[in-house]
Every structure is written in C-alpha cells, then in structure tokens.
C-alpha atoms as a PDB file:
ATOM      1  CA  MET A   1      76.989  46.027 -47.351  1.00  0.00           C
ATOM      2  CA  TRP A   2      78.227  49.529 -46.552  1.00  0.00           C
ATOM      3  CA  ASN A   3      79.266  50.012 -50.191  1.00  0.00           C
ATOM      4  CA  GLY A   4      76.052  48.802 -51.816  1.00  0.00           C
ATOM      5  CA  ALA A   5      75.574  46.156 -54.485  1.00  0.00           C
ATOM      6  CA  GLY A   6      78.762  47.264 -56.268  1.00  0.00           C
ATOM      7  CA  ILE A   7      80.676  45.138 -53.801  1.00  0.00           C
ATOM      8  CA  ILE A   8      79.574  42.069 -55.796  1.00  0.00           C
ATOM      9  CA  ARG A   9      81.547  43.311 -58.817  1.00  0.00           C
ATOM     10  CA  ASP A  10      84.631  43.780 -56.635  1.00  0.00           C
ATOM     11  CA  MET A  11      84.210  40.305 -55.139  1.00  0.00           C
ATOM     12  CA  THR A  12      83.813  38.737 -58.574  1.00  0.00           C
ATOM     13  CA  THR A  13      86.897  40.536 -59.886  1.00  0.00           C
ATOM     14  CA  GLY A  14      88.880  39.536 -56.805  1.00  0.00           C
ATOM     15  CA  TYR A  15      87.753  35.912 -57.078  1.00  0.00           C
ATOM     16  CA  SER A  16      88.678  35.776 -60.756  1.00  0.00           C
ATOM     17  CA  GLY A  17      92.105  37.201 -59.925  1.00  0.00           C
ATOM     18  CA  TYR A  18      92.578  34.640 -57.143  1.00  0.00           C
ATOM     19  CA  LEU A  19      91.736  31.772 -59.503  1.00  0.00           C
ATOM     20  CA  ALA A  20      94.147  33.129 -62.116  1.00  0.00           C
ATOM     21  CA  ASP A  21      96.956  33.563 -59.539  1.00  0.00           C
ATOM     22  CA  LYS A  22      96.489  29.976 -58.365  1.00  0.00           C
ATOM     23  CA  GLN A  23      96.207  28.723 -61.964  1.00  0.00           C
ATOM     24  CA  ILE A  24      92.777  27.238 -61.276  1.00  0.00           C
ATOM     25  CA  PRO A  25      90.765  27.015 -64.512  1.00  0.00           C
ATOM     26  CA  ASP A  26      87.306  27.759 -63.069  1.00  0.00           C
ATOM     27  CA  PRO A  27      85.351  27.748 -59.779  1.00  0.00           C
ATOM     28  CA  ASN A  28      84.171  24.174 -60.368  1.00  0.00           C
ATOM     29  CA  ALA A  29      87.757  22.983 -59.946  1.00  0.00           C
ATOM     30  CA  LEU A  30      87.535  24.003 -56.277  1.00  0.00           C
ATOM     31  CA  ARG A  31      84.428  21.935 -55.581  1.00  0.00           C
ATOM     32  CA  CYS A  32      84.897  19.453 -52.702  1.00  0.00           C
ATOM     33  CA  ARG A  33      88.609  20.223 -52.244  1.00  0.00           C
ATOM     34  CA  ALA A  34      88.099  21.251 -48.614  1.00  0.00           C
ATOM     35  CA  LEU A  35      86.140  18.148 -47.623  1.00  0.00           C
ATOM     36  CA  PRO A  36      89.196  16.153 -46.448  1.00  0.00           C
ATOM     37  CA  ARG A  37      90.070  19.003 -44.070  1.00  0.00           C
ATOM     38  CA  ILE A  38      86.665  19.277 -42.404  1.00  0.00           C
ATOM     39  CA  GLY A  39      86.594  18.005 -38.834  1.00  0.00           C
ATOM     40  CA  THR A  40      84.413  18.157 -35.783  1.00  0.00           C
ATOM     41  CA  HIS A  41      84.125  21.097 -33.437  1.00  0.00           C
ATOM     42  CA  ALA A  42      85.570  18.936 -30.663  1.00  0.00           C
ATOM     43  CA  SER A  43      88.727  18.382 -32.709  1.00  0.00           C
ATOM     44  CA  LEU A  44      89.577  22.097 -32.811  1.00  0.00           C
ATOM     45  CA  SER A  45      92.631  23.175 -30.849  1.00  0.00           C
ATOM     46  CA  ARG A  46      91.937  24.709 -27.468  1.00  0.00           C
ATOM     47  CA  ASP A  47      95.572  25.696 -26.922  1.00  0.00           C
ATOM     48  CA  SER A  48      94.942  29.367 -27.560  1.00  0.00           C
ATOM     49  CA  SER A  49      91.974  31.639 -27.144  1.00  0.00           C
ATOM     50  CA  ARG A  50      91.457  35.339 -27.723  1.00  0.00           C
ATOM     51  CA  TYR A  51      89.019  38.075 -26.832  1.00  0.00           C
ATOM     52  CA  ALA A  52      88.243  41.553 -28.153  1.00  0.00           C
ATOM     53  CA  TYR A  53      89.759  44.495 -26.288  1.00  0.00           C
ATOM     54  CA  ARG A  54      89.496  48.274 -26.739  1.00  0.00           C
ATOM     55  CA  GLU A  55      93.147  49.283 -27.058  1.00  0.00           C
ATOM     56  CA  SER A  56      92.648  53.044 -27.358  1.00  0.00           C
ATOM     57  CA  PRO A  57      89.057  53.880 -26.375  1.00  0.00           C
ATOM     58  CA  GLU A  58      89.607  57.622 -26.778  1.00  0.00           C
ATOM     59  CA  GLN A  59      89.934  57.087 -30.547  1.00  0.00           C
ATOM     60  CA  CYS A  60      86.597  55.262 -30.811  1.00  0.00           C
ATOM     61  CA  ILE A  61      83.999  57.225 -32.804  1.00  0.00           C
ATOM     62  CA  SER A  62      81.128  54.913 -31.752  1.00  0.00           C
ATOM     63  CA  CYS A  63      80.299  54.079 -35.378  1.00  0.00           C
ATOM     64  CA  GLY A  64      78.739  50.770 -34.311  1.00  0.00           C
ATOM     65  CA  HIS A  65      80.340  48.613 -37.012  1.00  0.00           C
ATOM     66  CA  CYS A  66      81.759  46.301 -34.345  1.00  0.00           C
ATOM     67  CA  VAL A  67      78.352  45.974 -32.678  1.00  0.00           C
ATOM     68  CA  ILE A  68      76.718  44.981 -35.981  1.00  0.00           C
ATOM     69  CA  ALA A  69      79.468  42.497 -36.839  1.00  0.00           C
ATOM     70  CA  CYS A  70      79.279  40.854 -33.421  1.00  0.00           C
ATOM     71  CA  ARG A  71      75.480  40.781 -33.418  1.00  0.00           C
ATOM     72  CA  ASP A  72      75.283  39.353 -36.934  1.00  0.00           C
ATOM     73  CA  GLY A  73      77.886  36.746 -35.955  1.00  0.00           C
ATOM     74  CA  GLY A  74      75.487  35.643 -33.227  1.00  0.00           C
ATOM     75  CA  TYR A  75      77.466  36.578 -30.130  1.00  0.00           C
ATOM     76  CA  HIS A  76      76.104  39.938 -28.928  1.00  0.00           C
ATOM     77  CA  ALA A  77      79.285  40.562 -26.915  1.00  0.00           C
ATOM     78  CA  ILE A  78      79.613  44.214 -27.953  1.00  0.00           C
ATOM     79  CA  SER A  79      77.217  47.055 -27.257  1.00  0.00           C
ATOM     80  CA  VAL A  80      77.228  50.838 -27.205  1.00  0.00           C
ATOM     81  CA  ILE A  81      76.206  52.332 -23.878  1.00  0.00           C
ATOM     82  CA  GLU A  82      76.034  56.124 -23.669  1.00  0.00           C
ATOM     83  CA  ARG A  83      78.172  56.454 -26.835  1.00  0.00           C
ATOM     84  CA  HIS A  84      80.874  54.132 -25.450  1.00  0.00           C
ATOM     85  CA  VAL A  85      81.617  50.696 -26.876  1.00  0.00           C
ATOM     86  CA  THR A  86      81.444  47.996 -24.234  1.00  0.00           C
ATOM     87  CA  ILE A  87      82.800  44.477 -24.741  1.00  0.00           C
ATOM     88  CA  ASP A  88      81.664  41.530 -22.635  1.00  0.00           C
ATOM     89  CA  LYS A  89      84.858  39.467 -22.461  1.00  0.00           C
ATOM     90  CA  ASP A  90      83.011  36.379 -21.224  1.00  0.00           C
ATOM     91  CA  THR A  91      80.546  36.394 -24.130  1.00  0.00           C
ATOM     92  CA  CYS A  92      83.209  37.112 -26.784  1.00  0.00           C
ATOM     93  CA  ASP A  93      84.204  33.969 -28.709  1.00  0.00           C
ATOM     94  CA  GLY A  94      87.377  35.521 -30.141  1.00  0.00           C
ATOM     95  CA  CYS A  95      86.430  35.393 -33.826  1.00  0.00           C
ATOM     96  CA  GLY A  96      88.068  38.794 -34.447  1.00  0.00           C
ATOM     97  CA  LEU A  97      85.441  40.112 -36.852  1.00  0.00           C
ATOM     98  CA  CYS A  98      84.959  43.239 -34.737  1.00  0.00           C
ATOM     99  CA  SER A  99      88.650  44.100 -34.994  1.00  0.00           C
ATOM    100  CA  LEU A 100      88.513  43.674 -38.773  1.00  0.00           C
ATOM    101  CA  VAL A 101      85.633  46.139 -39.206  1.00  0.00           C
ATOM    102  CA  CYS A 102      86.956  48.674 -36.679  1.00  0.00           C
ATOM    103  CA  SER A 103      88.115  51.490 -38.962  1.00  0.00           C
ATOM    104  CA  GLY A 104      89.960  53.273 -36.166  1.00  0.00           C
ATOM    105  CA  GLY A 105      91.935  50.222 -35.066  1.00  0.00           C
ATOM    106  CA  VAL A 106      90.503  50.629 -31.582  1.00  0.00           C
ATOM    107  CA  ILE A 107      89.482  46.994 -31.143  1.00  0.00           C
ATOM    108  CA  VAL A 108      92.317  44.484 -31.039  1.00  0.00           C
ATOM    109  CA  MET A 109      92.437  40.825 -30.139  1.00  0.00           C
ATOM    110  CA  ARG A 110      94.259  39.743 -26.991  1.00  0.00           C
ATOM    111  CA  PRO A 111      95.092  36.245 -25.820  1.00  0.00           C
ATOM    112  CA  ARG A 112      93.042  34.877 -22.938  1.00  0.00           C
ATOM    113  CA  MET A 113      95.014  33.676 -19.983  1.00  0.00           C
ATOM    114  CA  GLN A 114      94.706  29.909 -19.817  1.00  0.00           C
ATOM    115  CA  THR A 115      94.029  28.463 -16.407  1.00  0.00           C
ATOM    116  CA  LYS A 116      95.240  25.008 -15.500  1.00  0.00           C
ATOM    117  CA  GLU A 117      92.587  22.699 -14.196  1.00  0.00           C
END
C-alpha cells in the first residue's frame, strides 16, 4: 500500500517465480491443496506465545507503520502517545506483523512467560 498499485506487478512476478521454482504449472494446481491441513482454532498449539516489545525505543522514528498494521489486524495493541510508541502486552496476540513492518527493527517479538495452572 505504501508503494502504490505497482506492488501488484511485483506480487504477480513473485508469484509466477514461486510457481516456476516449485514446478507448479499454474495457480489452479494449488486449489484445495491446503484443505487437509485446516484445523480448528482449539487445535492450535498453546505451547508457546509471543508479544511485541520495543527493543531499542531510542531508534524509533514514530512512523506509525506498526500502529496501522496492528489496527488493521484487529488488535489495537499499539498506539503512539506523545510521539512514543506504546505496546499493550495484554492486548497483543503475538502475530508479529508489527515487527515485520518496523523499518528500524525497533519492535521485536519476545516469548511470553508461561504460568503453570
């Protein structure tokens, strides 16, 4: 979205290259191949969990990319307050999208400490 509609060309080129690398004749050959792997949310492993953390806050330029990614992902765990990025650890689901869009590498993912019940 930051690069405009030209990103579609790059995605198409990348997808075509992926298909060629995997020796897949066309996109239709991928149809329904993931269905046997689809499970329920309850069946997901709960053995590990992560949360977003600001590793080096002094390097943050408050660009807001992490806020947008988190908001658009539906979690609203990240906000900018007085030009400082704030992360609500309890609201964060650990998807890691914020760390992927953080151009300065400020946001990293850390494991949550598991408590025994």
